[in-house]
């Protein structure tokens, strides 16, 4: 009989449950720059998505925060002179 190892995985186990107070305590311990990101590990090697404010990170429910940061935002380019303001339908 021969045994083969197909995969070895490493997954962190967090001992501190997520609460606003625990997040604040860890955030206060940072030294230098700190970036808050969310990452959907079920999608493979997709890039993490930045969370803009620590207040949002600790205050919002995960699903609400994920929806907010993962929804693409587009800025309308008004330099195209698309005449949207003068459009008449009829």
PDB file of N, CA and C in Angstrom:
ATOM      1  N   UNK A   1       0.847  -1.177   0.000  1.00  0.00           N
ATOM      2  CA  UNK A   1       0.000   0.000   0.000  1.00  0.00           C
ATOM      3  C   UNK A   1       0.895   1.244   0.000  1.00  0.00           C
ATOM      4  N   UNK A   2       0.539   2.199  -0.844  1.00  0.00           N
ATOM      5  CA  UNK A   2       1.264   3.463  -0.929  1.00  0.00           C
ATOM      6  C   UNK A   2       0.287   4.591  -0.637  1.00  0.00           C
ATOM      7  N   UNK A   3       0.704   5.505   0.204  1.00  0.00           N
ATOM      8  CA  UNK A   3      -0.126   6.682   0.495  1.00  0.00           C
ATOM      9  C   UNK A   3       0.472   7.895  -0.204  1.00  0.00           C
ATOM     10  N   UNK A   4      -0.384   8.665  -0.856  1.00  0.00           N
ATOM     11  CA  UNK A   4       0.046   9.891  -1.517  1.00  0.00           C
ATOM     12  C   UNK A   4      -0.652  11.079  -0.882  1.00  0.00           C
ATOM     13  N   UNK A   5       0.087  12.148  -0.711  1.00  0.00           N
ATOM     14  CA  UNK A   5      -0.486  13.403  -0.223  1.00  0.00           C
ATOM     15  C   UNK A   5      -0.838  14.231  -1.446  1.00  0.00           C
ATOM     16  N   UNK A   6      -2.108  14.556  -1.587  1.00  0.00           N
ATOM     17  CA  UNK A   6      -2.539  15.313  -2.760  1.00  0.00           C
ATOM     18  C   UNK A   6      -2.461  16.820  -2.531  1.00  0.00           C
ATOM     19  N   UNK A   7      -2.874  17.276  -1.370  1.00  0.00           N
ATOM     20  CA  UNK A   7      -2.814  18.712  -1.080  1.00  0.00           C
ATOM     21  C   UNK A   7      -2.499  18.928   0.387  1.00  0.00           C
ATOM     22  N   UNK A   8      -1.864  20.030   0.649  1.00  0.00           N
ATOM     23  CA  UNK A   8      -1.625  20.484   2.013  1.00  0.00           C
ATOM     24  C   UNK A   8      -2.180  21.887   2.079  1.00  0.00           C
ATOM     25  N   UNK A   9      -3.053  22.117   3.022  1.00  0.00           N
ATOM     26  CA  UNK A   9      -3.666  23.433   3.156  1.00  0.00           C
ATOM     27  C   UNK A   9      -3.326  24.035   4.510  1.00  0.00           C
ATOM     28  N   UNK A  10      -3.246  25.325   4.505  1.00  0.00           N
ATOM     29  CA  UNK A  10      -3.055  26.068   5.751  1.00  0.00           C
ATOM     30  C   UNK A  10      -4.197  27.073   5.850  1.00  0.00           C
ATOM     31  N   UNK A  11      -4.944  26.975   6.890  1.00  0.00           N
ATOM     32  CA  UNK A  11      -6.031  27.925   7.112  1.00  0.00           C
ATOM     33  C   UNK A  11      -5.880  28.503   8.503  1.00  0.00           C
ATOM     34  N   UNK A  12      -5.897  29.838   8.601  1.00  0.00           N
ATOM     35  CA  UNK A  12      -5.789  30.431   9.939  1.00  0.00           C
ATOM     36  C   UNK A  12      -7.037  30.140  10.768  1.00  0.00           C
ATOM     37  N   UNK A  13      -6.833  29.983  12.031  1.00  0.00           N
ATOM     38  CA  UNK A  13      -7.945  29.813  12.953  1.00  0.00           C
ATOM     39  C   UNK A  13      -7.915  31.014  13.892  1.00  0.00           C
ATOM     40  N   UNK A  14      -8.951  31.804  13.803  1.00  0.00           N
ATOM     41  CA  UNK A  14      -9.005  33.010  14.601  1.00  0.00           C
ATOM     42  C   UNK A  14      -9.621  32.687  15.958  1.00  0.00           C
ATOM     43  N   UNK A  15      -8.909  33.065  16.983  1.00  0.00           N
ATOM     44  CA  UNK A  15      -9.353  32.756  18.339  1.00  0.00           C
ATOM     45  C   UNK A  15     -10.203  33.862  18.938  1.00  0.00           C
ATOM     46  N   UNK A  16     -10.198  35.010  18.318  1.00  0.00           N
ATOM     47  CA  UNK A  16     -10.931  36.157  18.821  1.00  0.00           C
ATOM     48  C   UNK A  16     -12.161  36.380  17.947  1.00  0.00           C
ATOM     49  N   UNK A  17     -13.368  36.190  18.484  1.00  0.00           N
ATOM     50  CA  UNK A  17     -14.568  36.424  17.667  1.00  0.00           C
ATOM     51  C   UNK A  17     -14.648  37.890  17.232  1.00  0.00           C
ATOM     52  N   UNK A  18     -15.250  38.127  16.079  1.00  0.00           N
ATOM     53  CA  UNK A  18     -15.334  39.491  15.566  1.00  0.00           C
ATOM     54  C   UNK A  18     -16.405  40.276  16.302  1.00  0.00           C
ATOM     55  N   UNK A  19     -15.975  41.356  16.926  1.00  0.00           N
ATOM     56  CA  UNK A  19     -16.875  42.352  17.520  1.00  0.00           C
ATOM     57  C   UNK A  19     -16.267  43.717  17.215  1.00  0.00           C
ATOM     58  N   UNK A  20     -17.065  44.757  17.325  1.00  0.00           N
ATOM     59  CA  UNK A  20     -16.551  46.110  17.092  1.00  0.00           C
ATOM     60  C   UNK A  20     -15.440  46.437  18.082  1.00  0.00           C
ATOM     61  N   UNK A  21     -15.599  45.995  19.326  1.00  0.00           N
ATOM     62  CA  UNK A  21     -14.599  46.273  20.358  1.00  0.00           C
ATOM     63  C   UNK A  21     -13.282  45.537  20.061  1.00  0.00           C
ATOM     64  N   UNK A  22     -13.381  44.275  19.662  1.00  0.00           N
ATOM     65  CA  UNK A  22     -12.182  43.502  19.337  1.00  0.00           C
ATOM     66  C   UNK A  22     -11.480  44.090  18.123  1.00  0.00           C
ATOM     67  N   UNK A  23     -12.249  44.501  17.113  1.00  0.00           N
ATOM     68  CA  UNK A  23     -11.664  45.113  15.922  1.00  0.00           C
ATOM     69  C   UNK A  23     -10.947  46.404  16.289  1.00  0.00           C
ATOM     70  N   UNK A  24     -11.552  47.204  17.139  1.00  0.00           N
ATOM     71  CA  UNK A  24     -10.928  48.460  17.566  1.00  0.00           C
ATOM     72  C   UNK A  24      -9.629  48.191  18.321  1.00  0.00           C
ATOM     73  N   UNK A  25      -9.636  47.186  19.177  1.00  0.00           N
ATOM     74  CA  UNK A  25      -8.440  46.841  19.953  1.00  0.00           C
ATOM     75  C   UNK A  25      -7.295  46.443  19.017  1.00  0.00           C
ATOM     76  N   UNK A  26      -7.579  45.606  18.028  1.00  0.00           N
ATOM     77  CA  UNK A  26      -6.550  45.199  17.075  1.00  0.00           C
ATOM     78  C   UNK A  26      -6.095  46.366  16.199  1.00  0.00           C
ATOM     79  N   UNK A  27      -7.034  47.212  15.802  1.00  0.00           N
ATOM     80  CA  UNK A  27      -6.706  48.370  14.961  1.00  0.00           C
ATOM     81  C   UNK A  27      -5.805  49.341  15.714  1.00  0.00           C
ATOM     82  N   UNK A  28      -6.039  49.490  17.004  1.00  0.00           N
ATOM     83  CA  UNK A  28      -5.212  50.383  17.828  1.00  0.00           C
ATOM     84  C   UNK A  28      -3.782  49.861  17.984  1.00  0.00           C
ATOM     85  N   UNK A  29      -3.570  48.567  17.784  1.00  0.00           N
ATOM     86  CA  UNK A  29      -2.244  47.961  17.921  1.00  0.00           C
ATOM     87  C   UNK A  29      -1.400  48.104  16.651  1.00  0.00           C
ATOM     88  N   UNK A  30      -1.981  48.605  15.557  1.00  0.00           N
ATOM     89  CA  UNK A  30      -1.255  48.676  14.293  1.00  0.00           C
ATOM     90  C   UNK A  30      -0.078  49.638  14.414  1.00  0.00           C
ATOM     91  N   UNK A  31       0.956  49.371  13.642  1.00  0.00           N
ATOM     92  CA  UNK A  31       2.091  50.291  13.577  1.00  0.00           C
ATOM     93  C   UNK A  31       2.337  50.608  12.109  1.00  0.00           C
ATOM     94  N   UNK A  32       2.255  51.850  11.764  1.00  0.00           N
ATOM     95  CA  UNK A  32       2.397  52.238  10.365  1.00  0.00           C
ATOM     96  C   UNK A  32       1.073  52.140   9.626  1.00  0.00           C
ATOM     97  N   UNK A  33       1.166  51.992   8.309  1.00  0.00           N
ATOM     98  CA  UNK A  33      -0.032  51.914   7.481  1.00  0.00           C
ATOM     99  C   UNK A  33      -0.774  50.609   7.705  1.00  0.00           C
ATOM    100  N   UNK A  34      -2.062  50.688   7.638  1.00  0.00           N
ATOM    101  CA  UNK A  34      -2.907  49.507   7.798  1.00  0.00           C
ATOM    102  C   UNK A  34      -3.977  49.573   6.716  1.00  0.00           C
ATOM    103  N   UNK A  35      -4.121  48.502   5.963  1.00  0.00           N
ATOM    104  CA  UNK A  35      -5.130  48.445   4.928  1.00  0.00           C
ATOM    105  C   UNK A  35      -6.148  47.387   5.289  1.00  0.00           C
ATOM    106  N   UNK A  36      -7.410  47.753   5.238  1.00  0.00           N
ATOM    107  CA  UNK A  36      -8.494  46.819   5.522  1.00  0.00           C
ATOM    108  C   UNK A  36      -9.043  46.313   4.200  1.00  0.00           C
ATOM    109  N   UNK A  37      -9.097  44.999   4.045  1.00  0.00           N
ATOM    110  CA  UNK A  37      -9.593  44.421   2.806  1.00  0.00           C
ATOM    111  C   UNK A  37     -10.522  43.263   3.106  1.00  0.00           C
ATOM    112  N   UNK A  38     -11.397  42.992   2.148  1.00  0.00           N
ATOM    113  CA  UNK A  38     -12.241  41.796   2.181  1.00  0.00           C
ATOM    114  C   UNK A  38     -11.849  40.950   0.988  1.00  0.00           C
ATOM    115  N   UNK A  39     -11.829  39.648   1.192  1.00  0.00           N
ATOM    116  CA  UNK A  39     -11.461  38.747   0.105  1.00  0.00           C
ATOM    117  C   UNK A  39     -12.401  37.562   0.104  1.00  0.00           C
ATOM    118  N   UNK A  40     -12.944  37.284  -1.076  1.00  0.00           N
ATOM    119  CA  UNK A  40     -13.808  36.130  -1.255  1.00  0.00           C
ATOM    120  C   UNK A  40     -12.921  34.963  -1.674  1.00  0.00           C
ATOM    121  N   UNK A  41     -12.563  34.109  -0.734  1.00  0.00           N
ATOM    122  CA  UNK A  41     -11.648  33.007  -1.023  1.00  0.00           C
ATOM    123  C   UNK A  41     -12.306  31.900  -1.830  1.00  0.00           C
ATOM    124  N   UNK A  42     -13.619  31.918  -1.946  1.00  0.00           N
ATOM    125  CA  UNK A  42     -14.305  30.888  -2.725  1.00  0.00           C
ATOM    126  C   UNK A  42     -14.137  31.104  -4.228  1.00  0.00           C
ATOM    127  N   UNK A  43     -13.656  32.271  -4.642  1.00  0.00           N
ATOM    128  CA  UNK A  43     -13.527  32.608  -6.065  1.00  0.00           C
ATOM    129  C   UNK A  43     -12.116  32.389  -6.594  1.00  0.00           C
ATOM    130  N   UNK A  44     -11.265  31.696  -5.867  1.00  0.00           N
ATOM    131  CA  UNK A  44      -9.910  31.446  -6.345  1.00  0.00           C
ATOM    132  C   UNK A  44      -8.993  32.620  -6.076  1.00  0.00           C
ATOM    133  N   UNK A  45      -8.193  32.997  -7.065  1.00  0.00           N
ATOM    134  CA  UNK A  45      -7.175  34.029  -6.892  1.00  0.00           C
ATOM    135  C   UNK A  45      -7.668  35.441  -7.190  1.00  0.00           C
ATOM    136  N   UNK A  46      -8.885  35.769  -6.863  1.00  0.00           N
ATOM    137  CA  UNK A  46      -9.376  37.128  -7.087  1.00  0.00           C
ATOM    138  C   UNK A  46      -8.712  38.067  -6.093  1.00  0.00           C
ATOM    139  N   UNK A  47      -8.495  39.287  -6.519  1.00  0.00           N
ATOM    140  CA  UNK A  47      -7.851  40.288  -5.667  1.00  0.00           C
ATOM    141  C   UNK A  47      -8.754  40.696  -4.516  1.00  0.00           C
ATOM    142  N   UNK A  48      -8.160  41.051  -3.385  1.00  0.00           N
ATOM    143  CA  UNK A  48      -8.970  41.562  -2.281  1.00  0.00           C
ATOM    144  C   UNK A  48      -9.526  42.942  -2.623  1.00  0.00           C
ATOM    145  N   UNK A  49     -10.598  43.317  -1.947  1.00  0.00           N
ATOM    146  CA  UNK A  49     -11.248  44.605  -2.179  1.00  0.00           C
ATOM    147  C   UNK A  49     -11.055  45.470  -0.948  1.00  0.00           C
ATOM    148  N   UNK A  50     -10.579  46.693  -1.141  1.00  0.00           N
ATOM    149  CA  UNK A  50     -10.318  47.602  -0.017  1.00  0.00           C
ATOM    150  C   UNK A  50     -11.604  48.118   0.606  1.00  0.00           C
ATOM    151  N   UNK A  51     -11.565  48.278   1.908  1.00  0.00           N
ATOM    152  CA  UNK A  51     -12.634  48.929   2.653  1.00  0.00           C
ATOM    153  C   UNK A  51     -12.114  50.324   2.971  1.00  0.00           C
ATOM    154  N   UNK A  52     -12.890  51.346   2.615  1.00  0.00           N
ATOM    155  CA  UNK A  52     -12.378  52.715   2.712  1.00  0.00           C
ATOM    156  C   UNK A  52     -12.247  53.235   4.138  1.00  0.00           C
ATOM    157  N   UNK A  53     -13.154  52.854   5.018  1.00  0.00           N
ATOM    158  CA  UNK A  53     -13.051  53.409   6.369  1.00  0.00           C
ATOM    159  C   UNK A  53     -13.146  52.319   7.426  1.00  0.00           C
ATOM    160  N   UNK A  54     -12.380  52.508   8.477  1.00  0.00           N
ATOM    161  CA  UNK A  54     -12.394  51.551   9.576  1.00  0.00           C
ATOM    162  C   UNK A  54     -13.759  51.549  10.259  1.00  0.00           C
ATOM    163  N   UNK A  55     -14.401  52.699  10.329  1.00  0.00           N
ATOM    164  CA  UNK A  55     -15.727  52.774  10.937  1.00  0.00           C
ATOM    165  C   UNK A  55     -16.713  51.857  10.225  1.00  0.00           C
ATOM    166  N   UNK A  56     -16.691  51.862   8.894  1.00  0.00           N
ATOM    167  CA  UNK A  56     -17.562  50.960   8.136  1.00  0.00           C
ATOM    168  C   UNK A  56     -17.198  49.506   8.410  1.00  0.00           C
ATOM    169  N   UNK A  57     -15.913  49.222   8.476  1.00  0.00           N
ATOM    170  CA  UNK A  57     -15.431  47.863   8.690  1.00  0.00           C
ATOM    171  C   UNK A  57     -15.952  47.284  10.002  1.00  0.00           C
ATOM    172  N   UNK A  58     -15.940  48.091  11.057  1.00  0.00           N
ATOM    173  CA  UNK A  58     -16.359  47.554  12.357  1.00  0.00           C
ATOM    174  C   UNK A  58     -17.855  47.718  12.626  1.00  0.00           C
ATOM    175  N   UNK A  59     -18.523  48.634  11.918  1.00  0.00           N
ATOM    176  CA  UNK A  59     -19.921  48.936  12.204  1.00  0.00           C
ATOM    177  C   UNK A  59     -20.909  48.116  11.388  1.00  0.00           C
ATOM    178  N   UNK A  60     -20.602  47.848  10.124  1.00  0.00           N
ATOM    179  CA  UNK A  60     -21.559  47.200   9.234  1.00  0.00           C
ATOM    180  C   UNK A  60     -21.519  45.681   9.368  1.00  0.00           C
ATOM    181  N   UNK A  61     -22.647  45.057   9.113  1.00  0.00           N
ATOM    182  CA  UNK A  61     -22.700  43.595   9.028  1.00  0.00           C
ATOM    183  C   UNK A  61     -21.880  43.163   7.815  1.00  0.00           C
ATOM    184  N   UNK A  62     -21.310  41.959   7.872  1.00  0.00           N
ATOM    185  CA  UNK A  62     -20.434  41.509   6.797  1.00  0.00           C
ATOM    186  C   UNK A  62     -21.120  41.554   5.438  1.00  0.00           C
ATOM    187  N   UNK A  63     -22.333  41.005   5.335  1.00  0.00           N
ATOM    188  CA  UNK A  63     -23.015  40.955   4.040  1.00  0.00           C
ATOM    189  C   UNK A  63     -23.254  42.347   3.472  1.00  0.00           C
ATOM    190  N   UNK A  64     -23.609  43.284   4.329  1.00  0.00           N
ATOM    191  CA  UNK A  64     -23.835  44.666   3.893  1.00  0.00           C
ATOM    192  C   UNK A  64     -22.522  45.297   3.427  1.00  0.00           C
ATOM    193  N   UNK A  65     -21.468  45.071   4.180  1.00  0.00           N
ATOM    194  CA  UNK A  65     -20.155  45.609   3.816  1.00  0.00           C
ATOM    195  C   UNK A  65     -19.656  44.993   2.510  1.00  0.00           C
ATOM    196  N   UNK A  66     -19.813  43.674   2.366  1.00  0.00           N
ATOM    197  CA  UNK A  66     -19.374  42.990   1.137  1.00  0.00           C
ATOM    198  C   UNK A  66     -20.120  43.546  -0.072  1.00  0.00           C
ATOM    199  N   UNK A  67     -21.430  43.711   0.049  1.00  0.00           N
ATOM    200  CA  UNK A  67     -22.236  44.248  -1.060  1.00  0.00           C
ATOM    201  C   UNK A  67     -21.756  45.644  -1.441  1.00  0.00           C
ATOM    202  N   UNK A  68     -21.464  46.461  -0.427  1.00  0.00           N
ATOM    203  CA  UNK A  68     -21.047  47.834  -0.672  1.00  0.00           C
ATOM    204  C   UNK A  68     -19.693  47.891  -1.376  1.00  0.00           C
ATOM    205  N   UNK A  69     -18.712  47.114  -0.917  1.00  0.00           N
ATOM    206  CA  UNK A  69     -17.367  47.229  -1.489  1.00  0.00           C
ATOM    207  C   UNK A  69     -17.202  46.446  -2.784  1.00  0.00           C
ATOM    208  N   UNK A  70     -18.046  45.456  -3.025  1.00  0.00           N
ATOM    209  CA  UNK A  70     -17.875  44.643  -4.230  1.00  0.00           C
ATOM    210  C   UNK A  70     -18.719  45.119  -5.407  1.00  0.00           C
ATOM    211  N   UNK A  71     -19.600  46.089  -5.194  1.00  0.00           N
ATOM    212  CA  UNK A  71     -20.416  46.633  -6.282  1.00  0.00           C
ATOM    213  C   UNK A  71     -19.591  47.643  -7.070  1.00  0.00           C
ATOM    214  N   UNK A  72     -19.419  47.427  -8.374  1.00  0.00           N
ATOM    215  CA  UNK A  72     -18.621  48.369  -9.179  1.00  0.00           C
ATOM    216  C   UNK A  72     -19.256  49.759  -9.178  1.00  0.00           C
ATOM    217  N   UNK A  73     -18.416  50.759  -9.149  1.00  0.00           N
ATOM    218  CA  UNK A  73     -18.879  52.145  -9.198  1.00  0.00           C
ATOM    219  C   UNK A  73     -18.336  52.776 -10.469  1.00  0.00           C
ATOM    220  N   UNK A  74     -19.194  53.486 -11.143  1.00  0.00           N
ATOM    221  CA  UNK A  74     -18.793  54.152 -12.386  1.00  0.00           C
ATOM    222  C   UNK A  74     -19.049  55.641 -12.241  1.00  0.00           C
ATOM    223  N   UNK A  75     -18.141  56.419 -12.765  1.00  0.00           N
ATOM    224  CA  UNK A  75     -18.300  57.860 -12.768  1.00  0.00           C
ATOM    225  C   UNK A  75     -18.691  58.267 -14.181  1.00  0.00           C
ATOM    226  N   UNK A  76     -19.781  59.017 -14.294  1.00  0.00           N
ATOM    227  CA  UNK A  76     -20.252  59.461 -15.601  1.00  0.00           C
ATOM    228  C   UNK A  76     -19.323  60.533 -16.140  1.00  0.00           C
ATOM    229  N   UNK A  77     -18.836  60.319 -17.330  1.00  0.00           N
ATOM    230  CA  UNK A  77     -17.930  61.263 -17.971  1.00  0.00           C
ATOM    231  C   UNK A  77     -18.756  62.250 -18.789  1.00  0.00           C
ATOM    232  N   UNK A  78     -18.945  63.443 -18.252  1.00  0.00           N
ATOM    233  CA  UNK A  78     -19.763  64.447 -18.934  1.00  0.00           C
ATOM    234  C   UNK A  78     -18.991  65.139 -20.054  1.00  0.00           C
ATOM    235  N   UNK A  79     -17.716  64.856 -20.210  1.00  0.00           N
ATOM    236  CA  UNK A  79     -16.939  65.501 -21.269  1.00  0.00           C
ATOM    237  C   UNK A  79     -17.302  64.966 -22.649  1.00  0.00           C
ATOM    238  N   UNK A  80     -18.088  63.893 -22.700  1.00  0.00           N
ATOM    239  CA  UNK A  80     -18.464  63.307 -23.989  1.00  0.00           C
ATOM    240  C   UNK A  80     -19.527  64.139 -24.708  1.00  0.00           C
ATOM    241  N   UNK A  81     -20.041  65.166 -24.056  1.00  0.00           N
ATOM    242  CA  UNK A  81     -21.060  66.045 -24.648  1.00  0.00           C
ATOM    243  C   UNK A  81     -22.225  65.215 -25.163  1.00  0.00           C
ATOM    244  N   UNK A  82     -22.757  64.376 -24.299  1.00  0.00           N
ATOM    245  CA  UNK A  82     -23.810  63.451 -24.720  1.00  0.00           C
ATOM    246  C   UNK A  82     -25.192  64.080 -24.750  1.00  0.00           C
ATOM    247  N   UNK A  83     -25.339  65.340 -24.356  1.00  0.00           N
ATOM    248  CA  UNK A  83     -26.593  66.076 -24.400  1.00  0.00           C
ATOM    249  C   UNK A  83     -27.734  65.398 -23.620  1.00  0.00           C
ATOM    250  N   UNK A  84     -27.387  64.672 -22.562  1.00  0.00           N
ATOM    251  CA  UNK A  84     -28.413  64.022 -21.772  1.00  0.00           C
ATOM    252  C   UNK A  84     -29.375  65.023 -21.124  1.00  0.00           C
ATOM    253  N   UNK A  85     -28.830  66.195 -20.788  1.00  0.00           N
ATOM    254  CA  UNK A  85     -29.677  67.196 -20.135  1.00  0.00           C
ATOM    255  C   UNK A  85     -30.716  67.772 -21.095  1.00  0.00           C
ATOM    256  N   UNK A  86     -30.426  67.771 -22.390  1.00  0.00           N
ATOM    257  CA  UNK A  86     -31.325  68.373 -23.361  1.00  0.00           C
ATOM    258  C   UNK A  86     -32.162  67.341 -24.102  1.00  0.00           C
ATOM    259  N   UNK A  87     -32.037  66.068 -23.730  1.00  0.00           N
ATOM    260  CA  UNK A  87     -32.757  65.011 -24.451  1.00  0.00           C
ATOM    261  C   UNK A  87     -34.246  65.139 -24.233  1.00  0.00           C
ATOM    262  N   UNK A  88     -35.003  64.984 -25.313  1.00  0.00           N
ATOM    263  CA  UNK A  88     -36.464  64.999 -25.227  1.00  0.00           C
ATOM    264  C   UNK A  88     -36.986  63.687 -25.799  1.00  0.00           C
ATOM    265  N   UNK A  89     -37.897  63.139 -25.086  1.00  0.00           N
ATOM    266  CA  UNK A  89     -38.475  61.851 -25.525  1.00  0.00           C
ATOM    267  C   UNK A  89     -39.925  62.110 -25.878  1.00  0.00           C
ATOM    268  N   UNK A  90     -40.408  61.470 -26.903  1.00  0.00           N
ATOM    269  CA  UNK A  90     -41.803  61.674 -27.203  1.00  0.00           C
ATOM    270  C   UNK A  90     -42.185  61.057 -28.413  1.00  0.00           C
TER     271      UNK A  90
END
